[in-house]
Protein backbone atom coordinates (compact mmCIF):
# COMPACT_ATOMS: atom_id res chain seq x y z
CA UNK A 1 -66.13 -74.99 -142.17
CA UNK A 2 -64.38 -77.63 -140.16
CA UNK A 3 -61.50 -79.81 -141.16
CA UNK A 4 -59.97 -82.96 -139.81
CA UNK A 5 -56.74 -84.55 -140.95
CA UNK A 6 -55.29 -87.91 -140.01
CA UNK A 7 -52.49 -90.30 -140.79
CA UNK A 8 -53.53 -92.21 -143.94
CA UNK A 9 -54.26 -95.82 -144.69
CA UNK A 10 -53.75 -97.80 -141.48
CA UNK A 11 -54.51 -96.93 -137.86
CA UNK A 12 -51.43 -96.37 -135.73
CA UNK A 13 -51.01 -96.25 -132.00
CA UNK A 14 -50.73 -92.76 -130.68
CA UNK A 15 -52.32 -91.23 -133.76
CA UNK A 16 -54.63 -88.34 -133.11
CA UNK A 17 -57.78 -87.19 -134.82
CA UNK A 18 -57.99 -83.45 -134.56
CA UNK A 19 -60.50 -80.78 -135.38
CA UNK A 20 -59.91 -77.06 -135.30
CA UNK A 21 -62.79 -74.63 -135.40
CA UNK A 22 -62.85 -70.87 -135.70
CA UNK A 23 -65.03 -68.15 -137.10
CA UNK A 24 -64.33 -66.63 -140.50
CA UNK A 25 -65.79 -63.32 -141.54
CA UNK A 26 -67.87 -63.35 -144.69
CA UNK A 27 -65.43 -61.05 -146.46
CA UNK A 28 -62.16 -61.96 -148.12
CA UNK A 29 -59.04 -63.09 -146.32
CA UNK A 30 -55.49 -63.05 -147.59
CA UNK A 31 -52.71 -65.33 -146.51
CA UNK A 32 -51.95 -64.72 -142.87
CA UNK A 33 -54.54 -61.95 -142.54
CA UNK A 34 -56.70 -62.52 -139.50
CA UNK A 35 -55.44 -66.05 -139.04
CA UNK A 36 -55.27 -67.61 -135.60
CA UNK A 37 -54.46 -71.06 -134.29
CA UNK A 38 -56.96 -73.22 -132.51
CA UNK A 39 -58.78 -74.28 -130.62
CA UNK A 40 -57.68 -77.81 -131.48
CA UNK A 41 -59.57 -80.79 -130.11
CA UNK A 42 -58.25 -84.33 -129.90
CA UNK A 43 -61.21 -86.55 -130.63
CA UNK A 44 -59.46 -89.94 -130.54
CA UNK A 45 -55.97 -90.36 -129.14
CA UNK A 46 -55.04 -93.79 -130.45
CA UNK A 47 -55.94 -96.56 -132.86
CA UNK A 48 -57.98 -94.26 -135.13
CA UNK A 49 -57.98 -93.83 -138.88
CA UNK A 50 -58.98 -91.33 -141.57
CA UNK A 51 -61.85 -89.25 -140.22
CA UNK A 52 -64.49 -87.51 -142.30
CA UNK A 53 -66.56 -84.50 -141.26
CA UNK A 54 -70.02 -83.05 -141.86
CA UNK A 55 -72.05 -80.03 -140.79
CA UNK A 56 -75.68 -80.21 -139.71
CA UNK A 57 -78.47 -77.78 -140.67
CA UNK A 58 -78.25 -76.01 -137.31
CA UNK A 59 -74.46 -75.74 -137.24
CA UNK A 60 -73.62 -79.03 -135.56
CA UNK A 61 -70.31 -80.60 -136.53
CA UNK A 62 -69.82 -84.37 -136.80
CA UNK A 63 -66.65 -86.45 -137.16
CA UNK A 64 -66.70 -90.14 -138.07
CA UNK A 65 -63.77 -92.55 -138.15
CA UNK A 66 -62.81 -96.21 -137.95
CA UNK A 67 -61.00 -97.17 -134.77
CA UNK A 68 -59.89 -100.16 -132.74
CA UNK A 69 -62.66 -101.70 -130.65
CA UNK A 70 -62.85 -104.68 -128.32
CA UNK A 71 -64.08 -106.95 -131.14
CA UNK A 72 -61.99 -105.55 -133.99
CA UNK A 73 -62.41 -102.38 -136.03
CA UNK A 74 -65.50 -100.29 -135.30
CA UNK A 75 -66.98 -97.01 -136.55
CA UNK A 76 -67.20 -94.07 -134.16
CA UNK A 77 -68.80 -90.64 -134.29
CA UNK A 78 -68.36 -87.53 -132.18
CA UNK A 79 -70.52 -84.40 -132.19
CA UNK A 80 -69.98 -80.78 -131.34
CA UNK A 81 -73.03 -78.57 -130.87
CA UNK A 82 -73.03 -74.91 -131.94
CA UNK A 83 -71.53 -72.67 -129.31
CA UNK A 84 -69.92 -75.53 -127.40
CA UNK A 85 -66.16 -75.99 -127.06
CA UNK A 86 -66.14 -79.65 -126.09
CA UNK A 87 -66.81 -82.63 -128.33
CA UNK A 88 -69.14 -85.36 -127.20
CA UNK A 89 -67.79 -88.71 -126.10
CA UNK A 90 -67.41 -91.01 -129.13
CA UNK A 91 -70.46 -93.13 -129.95
CA UNK A 92 -70.08 -96.50 -131.65
CA UNK A 93 -72.05 -96.48 -134.89
CA UNK A 94 -71.99 -100.15 -135.93
CA UNK A 95 -74.18 -102.59 -134.01
CA UNK A 96 -72.15 -105.67 -135.03
CA UNK A 97 -68.78 -106.00 -133.29
CA UNK A 98 -65.80 -105.49 -135.60
CA UNK A 99 -68.00 -104.70 -138.62
CA UNK A 100 -65.59 -102.16 -140.19
CA UNK A 101 -62.25 -101.87 -141.94
CA UNK A 102 -59.99 -98.81 -142.21
CA UNK A 103 -58.67 -97.54 -145.53
CA UNK A 104 -57.47 -94.10 -146.62
CA UNK A 105 -59.48 -94.18 -149.85
CA UNK A 106 -62.50 -95.85 -148.20
CA UNK A 107 -63.04 -94.23 -144.80
CA UNK A 108 -66.27 -94.12 -142.83
CA UNK A 109 -68.20 -91.30 -144.52
CA UNK A 110 -70.62 -89.08 -142.59
CA UNK A 111 -73.38 -86.92 -144.06
CA UNK A 112 -76.32 -85.02 -142.60
CA UNK A 113 -79.76 -84.57 -144.15
CA UNK A 114 -81.79 -81.36 -144.20
CA UNK A 115 -83.91 -82.70 -141.32
CA UNK A 116 -80.80 -83.35 -139.20
CA UNK A 117 -80.68 -87.12 -139.71
CA UNK A 118 -77.06 -88.31 -139.50
CA UNK A 119 -75.91 -91.02 -141.91
CA UNK A 120 -72.65 -92.97 -141.76
CA UNK A 121 -71.58 -95.42 -144.47
CA UNK A 122 -68.52 -97.64 -144.26
CA UNK A 123 -66.94 -100.80 -145.65
CA UNK A 124 -66.36 -104.05 -143.82
CA UNK A 125 -63.92 -106.79 -144.78
CA UNK A 126 -64.06 -110.56 -144.75
CA UNK A 127 -61.26 -112.88 -145.70
CA UNK A 128 -62.04 -115.30 -148.51
CA UNK A 129 -59.67 -118.25 -149.08
CA UNK A 130 -57.87 -117.93 -152.39
CA UNK A 131 -58.78 -114.28 -152.79
CA UNK A 132 -55.88 -111.82 -152.74
CA UNK A 133 -57.86 -109.05 -151.05
CA UNK A 134 -60.78 -109.30 -148.64
CA UNK A 135 -64.35 -109.15 -149.88
CA UNK A 136 -66.38 -106.21 -148.62
CA UNK A 137 -69.90 -104.88 -148.25
CA UNK A 138 -71.10 -101.32 -147.68
CA UNK A 139 -72.89 -100.78 -144.40
CA UNK A 140 -74.99 -97.76 -143.39
CA UNK A 141 -76.46 -96.65 -140.10
CA UNK A 142 -78.72 -93.68 -139.37
CA UNK A 143 -79.32 -91.51 -136.33
CA UNK A 144 -82.38 -89.34 -135.76
CA UNK A 145 -81.21 -87.88 -132.46
CA UNK A 146 -78.14 -85.94 -133.53
CA UNK A 147 -75.69 -88.83 -133.51
CA UNK A 148 -76.36 -89.86 -129.92
CA UNK A 149 -77.68 -93.30 -130.93
CA UNK A 150 -77.83 -95.24 -134.21
CA UNK A 151 -80.32 -97.70 -135.64
CA UNK A 152 -78.96 -101.14 -136.62
CA UNK A 153 -76.90 -101.00 -139.81
CA UNK A 154 -78.18 -102.12 -143.20
CA UNK A 155 -76.24 -103.24 -146.27
CA UNK A 156 -76.30 -100.84 -149.20
CA UNK A 157 -75.07 -103.07 -152.04
CA UNK A 158 -77.83 -105.26 -153.46
CA UNK A 159 -75.74 -108.41 -153.98
CA UNK A 160 -74.97 -109.01 -150.30
CA UNK A 161 -74.95 -112.70 -149.44
CA UNK A 162 -73.97 -113.66 -152.98
CA UNK A 163 -70.54 -114.57 -154.32
CA UNK A 164 -67.79 -112.62 -152.53
CA UNK A 165 -66.91 -109.35 -154.16
CA UNK A 166 -65.67 -105.84 -153.42
CA UNK A 167 -67.90 -102.83 -152.67
CA UNK A 168 -65.76 -99.95 -151.49
CA UNK A 169 -64.16 -96.56 -152.33
CA UNK A 170 -67.53 -95.04 -151.53
CA UNK A 171 -69.09 -91.64 -150.91
CA UNK A 172 -72.44 -90.38 -149.64
CA UNK A 173 -74.48 -87.23 -150.15
CA UNK A 174 -77.97 -86.15 -149.09
CA UNK A 175 -80.03 -84.09 -151.52
CA UNK A 176 -82.27 -81.18 -150.53
CA UNK A 177 -85.34 -83.45 -150.75
CA UNK A 178 -83.78 -85.89 -148.26
CA UNK A 179 -82.84 -88.55 -150.81
CA UNK A 180 -79.64 -90.33 -149.80
CA UNK A 181 -77.17 -91.21 -152.57
CA UNK A 182 -74.29 -93.65 -152.13
CA UNK A 183 -71.73 -94.29 -154.89
CA UNK A 184 -68.94 -96.84 -154.84
CA UNK A 185 -66.61 -99.04 -156.89
CA UNK A 186 -68.02 -102.52 -157.43
CA UNK A 187 -66.18 -105.63 -158.64
CA UNK A 188 -69.05 -108.15 -158.89
CA UNK A 189 -68.95 -108.39 -162.70
CA UNK A 190 -65.16 -108.52 -162.84
CA UNK A 191 -65.04 -111.17 -160.12
CA UNK A 192 -67.70 -113.28 -161.84
CA UNK A 193 -65.75 -113.20 -165.11
CA UNK A 194 -62.58 -114.24 -163.34
CA UNK A 195 -64.32 -117.10 -161.55
CA UNK A 196 -65.66 -118.34 -164.89
CA UNK A 197 -62.22 -118.16 -166.48
CA UNK A 198 -60.50 -119.74 -163.49
CA UNK A 199 -58.43 -116.60 -162.90
CA UNK A 200 -57.39 -115.08 -159.62
CA UNK A 201 -59.88 -112.89 -157.79
CA UNK A 202 -57.54 -109.94 -158.15
CA UNK A 203 -54.96 -109.48 -160.87
CA UNK A 204 -51.42 -108.62 -159.94
CA UNK A 205 -49.86 -105.49 -161.34
CA UNK A 206 -47.48 -106.13 -164.26
CA UNK A 207 -43.90 -106.51 -163.17
CA UNK A 208 -41.82 -103.41 -163.62
CA UNK A 209 -44.73 -100.96 -163.82
CA UNK A 210 -43.62 -97.57 -162.58
CA UNK A 211 -44.75 -95.97 -159.34
CA UNK A 212 -44.53 -92.49 -160.83
CA UNK A 213 -43.67 -90.74 -164.06
CA UNK A 214 -40.94 -88.75 -162.32
CA UNK A 215 -38.11 -89.79 -160.02
CA UNK A 216 -38.21 -88.79 -156.39
CA UNK A 217 -35.35 -86.43 -155.51
CA UNK A 218 -32.68 -87.42 -153.03
CA UNK A 219 -33.95 -87.14 -149.46
CA UNK A 220 -37.63 -87.12 -150.40
CA UNK A 221 -40.09 -89.39 -148.70
CA UNK A 222 -40.54 -92.46 -150.96
CA UNK A 223 -44.05 -93.43 -151.97
CA UNK A 224 -44.76 -97.08 -151.41
CA UNK A 225 -45.10 -99.03 -154.64
CA UNK A 226 -47.57 -101.36 -152.95
CA UNK A 227 -49.92 -98.44 -152.39
CA UNK A 228 -50.20 -98.08 -156.15
CA UNK A 229 -50.60 -101.78 -156.91
CA UNK A 230 -53.60 -102.65 -154.77
CA UNK A 231 -55.87 -104.01 -157.48
CA UNK A 232 -53.46 -104.09 -160.37
CA UNK A 233 -53.89 -103.16 -163.99
CA UNK A 234 -57.16 -102.94 -165.83
CA UNK A 235 -57.65 -103.59 -169.52
CA UNK A 236 -60.66 -102.72 -171.66
CA UNK A 237 -60.89 -106.26 -173.01
CA UNK A 238 -61.82 -107.70 -169.61
CA UNK A 239 -64.62 -106.54 -167.30
CA UNK A 240 -63.40 -103.69 -165.13
CA UNK A 241 -64.46 -102.16 -161.85
CA UNK A 242 -67.88 -100.54 -162.07
CA UNK A 243 -69.03 -97.27 -160.59
CA UNK A 244 -72.45 -97.97 -159.08
CA UNK A 245 -74.94 -95.95 -157.09
CA UNK A 246 -78.06 -96.57 -155.02
CA UNK A 247 -80.69 -94.22 -153.61
CA UNK A 248 -82.70 -94.23 -150.40
CA UNK A 249 -85.95 -92.27 -150.38
CA UNK A 250 -87.06 -93.40 -146.93
CA UNK A 251 -84.40 -91.80 -144.77
CA UNK A 252 -81.80 -94.55 -145.05
CA UNK A 253 -84.07 -97.41 -143.99
CA UNK A 254 -83.62 -99.14 -147.36
CA UNK A 255 -81.91 -98.60 -150.73
CA UNK A 256 -82.87 -99.12 -154.32
CA UNK A 257 -81.22 -101.72 -156.50
CA UNK A 258 -77.87 -100.41 -157.63
CA UNK A 259 -77.38 -98.97 -161.12
CA UNK A 260 -74.17 -98.82 -163.14
CA UNK A 261 -72.65 -95.43 -163.97
CA UNK A 262 -69.46 -96.69 -165.65
CA UNK A 263 -67.87 -100.09 -166.29
CA UNK A 264 -64.19 -99.11 -166.54
CA UNK A 265 -63.12 -97.29 -163.39
CA UNK A 266 -59.67 -97.20 -161.87
CA UNK A 267 -60.25 -99.89 -159.23
CA UNK A 268 -59.05 -98.17 -156.05
CA UNK A 269 -59.46 -94.42 -156.46
CA UNK A 270 -62.43 -93.24 -154.40
CA UNK A 271 -65.60 -91.80 -155.87
CA UNK A 272 -66.94 -88.33 -155.00
CA UNK A 273 -70.54 -87.06 -154.86
CA UNK A 274 -72.15 -83.61 -154.68
CA UNK A 275 -75.63 -82.16 -155.12
CA UNK A 276 -76.84 -78.86 -156.54
CA UNK A 277 -79.77 -76.67 -155.50
CA UNK A 278 -81.67 -77.54 -158.69
CA UNK A 279 -81.70 -81.24 -157.76
CA UNK A 280 -78.78 -82.30 -159.97
CA UNK A 281 -76.43 -84.91 -158.54
CA UNK A 282 -72.81 -85.12 -159.67
CA UNK A 283 -70.33 -87.97 -159.35
CA UNK A 284 -66.59 -87.95 -160.07
CA UNK A 285 -64.17 -90.83 -160.45
CA UNK A 286 -60.96 -91.85 -162.21
CA UNK A 287 -61.85 -93.57 -165.47
CA UNK A 288 -59.69 -96.02 -167.42
CA UNK A 289 -59.41 -95.12 -171.12
CA UNK A 290 -57.77 -97.18 -173.88
CA UNK A 291 -54.03 -97.52 -173.42
CA UNK A 292 -54.32 -97.49 -169.60
CA UNK A 293 -54.95 -93.75 -169.55
CA UNK A 294 -56.40 -92.87 -166.14
CA UNK A 295 -58.06 -89.46 -166.03
CA UNK A 296 -60.74 -87.93 -163.81
CA UNK A 297 -64.28 -87.54 -165.14
CA UNK A 298 -67.59 -86.12 -163.91
CA UNK A 299 -71.14 -87.21 -164.74
CA UNK A 300 -74.44 -85.50 -163.91
CA UNK A 301 -77.80 -86.99 -162.97
CA UNK A 302 -80.45 -84.48 -164.00
CA UNK A 303 -83.46 -83.90 -161.72
CA UNK A 304 -85.94 -86.72 -162.24
CA UNK A 305 -83.58 -88.81 -164.36
CA UNK A 306 -83.04 -92.45 -163.51
CA UNK A 307 -79.38 -92.54 -164.49
CA UNK A 308 -76.30 -90.39 -164.76
CA UNK A 309 -75.32 -89.00 -168.15
CA UNK A 310 -72.14 -89.72 -170.04
CA UNK A 311 -68.93 -88.78 -168.20
CA UNK A 312 -66.94 -85.73 -169.24
CA UNK A 313 -63.17 -85.63 -168.79
CA UNK A 314 -62.18 -82.72 -166.54
CA UNK A 315 -58.60 -82.29 -167.71
CA UNK A 316 -56.97 -83.98 -170.68
CA UNK A 317 -54.05 -85.22 -168.59
CA UNK A 318 -53.54 -88.37 -170.62
CA UNK A 319 -51.89 -90.09 -167.67
CA UNK A 320 -50.78 -93.56 -168.76
CA UNK A 321 -50.36 -95.79 -165.73
CA UNK A 322 -50.84 -99.58 -165.50
CA UNK A 323 -51.85 -99.59 -161.84
CA UNK A 324 -53.89 -97.63 -159.33
CA UNK A 325 -52.56 -94.50 -157.58
CA UNK A 326 -55.02 -94.49 -154.65
CA UNK A 327 -55.90 -90.86 -155.33
CA UNK A 328 -59.54 -90.18 -156.08
CA UNK A 329 -61.06 -86.79 -157.00
CA UNK A 330 -62.91 -84.25 -154.88
CA UNK A 331 -66.17 -82.56 -155.85
CA UNK A 332 -68.29 -79.60 -154.67
CA UNK A 333 -71.12 -77.45 -156.05
CA UNK A 334 -71.50 -73.83 -155.00
CA UNK A 335 -74.70 -71.80 -154.58
CA UNK A 336 -74.55 -70.61 -158.19
CA UNK A 337 -74.52 -74.19 -159.43
CA UNK A 338 -70.88 -74.14 -160.52
CA UNK A 339 -69.21 -77.53 -160.20
CA UNK A 340 -65.70 -77.63 -158.70
CA UNK A 341 -63.28 -80.56 -159.00
CA UNK A 342 -59.85 -81.24 -157.49
CA UNK A 343 -57.65 -84.16 -158.52
CA UNK A 344 -54.19 -85.70 -158.74
CA UNK A 345 -52.40 -86.71 -161.92
CA UNK A 346 -48.99 -88.27 -162.44
CA UNK A 347 -48.81 -87.25 -166.11
CA UNK A 348 -45.45 -86.13 -167.44
CA UNK A 349 -44.95 -82.37 -167.05
CA UNK A 350 -48.26 -82.11 -165.15
CA UNK A 351 -47.53 -84.11 -162.04
CA UNK A 352 -49.41 -82.86 -159.00
CA UNK A 353 -52.79 -81.61 -157.78
CA UNK A 354 -55.14 -79.56 -159.97
CA UNK A 355 -58.43 -77.68 -159.74
CA UNK A 356 -61.08 -76.81 -162.36
CA UNK A 357 -64.60 -75.37 -162.49
CA UNK A 358 -67.61 -75.93 -164.74
CA UNK A 359 -70.26 -73.23 -165.19
CA UNK A 360 -72.50 -75.35 -167.47
CA UNK A 361 -73.40 -78.37 -165.31
CA UNK A 362 -70.25 -80.31 -166.15
CA UNK A 363 -70.49 -80.10 -169.94
CA UNK A 364 -67.20 -78.22 -170.18
CA UNK A 365 -64.42 -77.25 -167.80
CA UNK A 366 -62.15 -74.29 -167.19
CA UNK A 367 -58.44 -74.58 -167.82
CA UNK A 368 -56.97 -76.52 -164.88
CA UNK A 369 -55.26 -74.47 -162.17
CA UNK A 370 -52.28 -75.94 -160.33
CA UNK A 371 -52.61 -76.45 -156.57
CA UNK A 372 -49.35 -78.31 -155.99
CA UNK A 373 -47.00 -79.23 -158.81
CA UNK A 374 -43.32 -80.08 -159.14
CA UNK A 375 -41.03 -82.39 -161.04
CA UNK A 376 -41.99 -85.07 -158.53
CA UNK A 377 -45.27 -85.19 -156.62
CA UNK A 378 -46.37 -88.59 -155.28
CA UNK A 379 -50.07 -89.45 -155.31
CA UNK A 380 -51.66 -86.98 -152.90
CA UNK A 381 -55.10 -86.17 -151.55
CA UNK A 382 -57.32 -83.13 -152.15
CA UNK A 383 -60.75 -82.31 -150.69
CA UNK A 384 -63.34 -79.62 -151.45
CA UNK A 385 -66.31 -78.18 -149.56
CA UNK A 386 -68.72 -75.45 -150.60
CA UNK A 387 -70.51 -72.86 -148.46
CA UNK A 388 -72.55 -70.39 -150.46
CA UNK A 389 -70.37 -69.16 -153.30
CA UNK A 390 -67.13 -69.94 -151.47
CA UNK A 391 -65.35 -73.24 -152.01
CA UNK A 392 -62.74 -74.42 -149.55
CA UNK A 393 -59.84 -76.51 -150.81
CA UNK A 394 -57.42 -78.59 -148.76
CA UNK A 395 -54.62 -80.81 -149.98
CA UNK A 396 -51.62 -82.62 -148.59
CA UNK A 397 -47.96 -82.44 -149.60
CA UNK A 398 -46.36 -85.87 -149.34
CA UNK A 399 -42.91 -84.97 -150.59
CA UNK A 400 -41.39 -84.47 -147.15
CA UNK A 401 -41.62 -85.83 -143.64
CA UNK A 402 -43.68 -84.71 -141.83
CA UNK A 403 -46.34 -84.33 -144.47
CA UNK A 404 -48.20 -81.05 -144.51
CA UNK A 405 -51.63 -79.74 -145.45
CA UNK A 406 -52.55 -76.48 -147.17
CA UNK A 407 -55.97 -74.83 -146.93
CA UNK A 408 -57.22 -72.35 -149.54
CA UNK A 409 -60.46 -70.67 -150.57
CA UNK A 410 -61.93 -69.95 -153.98
CA UNK A 411 -64.42 -67.09 -154.34
CA UNK A 412 -64.27 -66.62 -158.08
CA UNK A 413 -62.22 -67.34 -161.19
CA UNK A 414 -58.56 -68.20 -160.92
CA UNK A 415 -56.48 -70.10 -158.42
CA UNK A 416 -57.77 -70.58 -154.87
CA UNK A 417 -56.07 -68.27 -152.37
CA UNK A 418 -53.94 -69.99 -149.75
CA UNK A 419 -54.87 -68.96 -146.23
CA UNK A 420 -52.90 -71.53 -144.25
CA UNK A 421 -49.93 -73.58 -145.39
CA UNK A 422 -47.59 -76.23 -144.00
CA UNK A 423 -49.92 -77.50 -141.27
CA UNK A 424 -48.62 -80.89 -140.22
CA UNK A 425 -50.94 -83.69 -141.32
CA UNK A 426 -52.23 -85.70 -144.25
CA UNK A 427 -55.45 -86.85 -145.89
CA UNK A 428 -57.53 -83.71 -145.22
CA UNK A 429 -61.27 -83.84 -144.70
CA UNK A 430 -63.51 -80.79 -145.04
CA UNK A 431 -67.04 -79.69 -144.27
CA UNK A 432 -68.36 -76.20 -144.86
CA UNK A 433 -71.19 -73.97 -143.75
CA UNK A 434 -71.77 -70.25 -143.49
CA UNK A 435 -70.67 -70.24 -139.86
CA UNK A 436 -66.90 -70.57 -140.06
CA UNK A 437 -63.75 -72.27 -141.20
CA UNK A 438 -60.93 -74.26 -139.70
CA UNK A 439 -58.27 -76.89 -140.28
CA UNK A 440 -56.64 -79.55 -138.23
CA UNK A 441 -54.07 -82.30 -138.45
CA UNK A 442 -52.94 -85.47 -136.78
CA UNK A 443 -49.73 -87.34 -137.43
CA UNK A 444 -48.48 -88.68 -134.14
CA UNK A 445 -49.59 -85.45 -132.52
CA UNK A 446 -52.25 -82.88 -133.33
CA UNK A 447 -51.69 -79.47 -134.81
CA UNK A 448 -54.33 -77.21 -136.25
CA UNK A 449 -55.48 -73.68 -136.83
CA UNK A 450 -58.62 -71.71 -137.41
CA UNK A 451 -58.95 -69.10 -140.10
């Protein structure tokens, strides 16, 4: 497994992207047992934002991120071959100058197919007069030579060139048969309804809406209210943000018309995708229920099915919040077909990060296990990655400065076992394979450790 952690949301000068790699024996590991630090690699030393990571079929490791380029924001990728210590020089992925936009919940996502094809999907932004937030399209580029070069990018969403809308908070996964799935949050229907009614392109959050259901203690790092107000409140009487997906069956050269999974999604919490060995595809998102309840759900697309089934709520948090917390779920499927989910909730008496498992293809879920809970936990990020029957879990703690990341592993029932805690960083990213495990961080400077 590899991990990369970066400063969230906006690129900052001097920020580092870091990756730490180390071998992990197949057997168990308790906290501190056999742990070592490093080696840590700085992949980008400035102007970079929110990397994601992936492992190739032969053990290659890839990191993708959005960074400052000569013509604006561009997408970059670096590669590390098995057995090598050094990372490759960054390669620009996008062929159009400045065709990218950084965002913590919508980073450039990298995935690798079973044949070694590397896929990167990202959002761009364009300013539209009178629109509160930029319009965006999803762009994808593919590499058939191990990330050394990329074909010209294509647009994934099927309404490109039409009325301006938002297509973002995306994820990508490649199935065992090589099919490429992309899921995202889509505002085309909501925007069309607002244009017809003469409303604003994006609603403002109601005045006085809370930023959390608990009060931050004295001395704690405050969580910006604006980060939880990005797209405002959603009601079930008006069209909401849709969860859509599209599939490529020709190696990322083209995509099918998009199909709707859900029509009432929390409008700025990222989606998550995962595939199972039997051909099932799973998607997770934060759904809006009546009364502005915003809980995480999972839906399954059975092998051969055209659409995803009805969503199932993972935990009955009942979190009432008239805004968006910018905290999407994480999803992984292990070799036994068990589905693992990690998520944040701000519900009273449950505030924090949680983890649950389904052994019946997402029809029912285990009792949630706490990863990080307290009287006050601001919206935080969690990521999962599966390798065989082991699932790696990483999450950030945003209650203090500097923020820290914890890495744990789950090999069976119960809470994941912490193997590294209080590593400086935020917004973890994980990729897993049978070859090893590691964690890294970047927040002004890089720190990391292998396990």
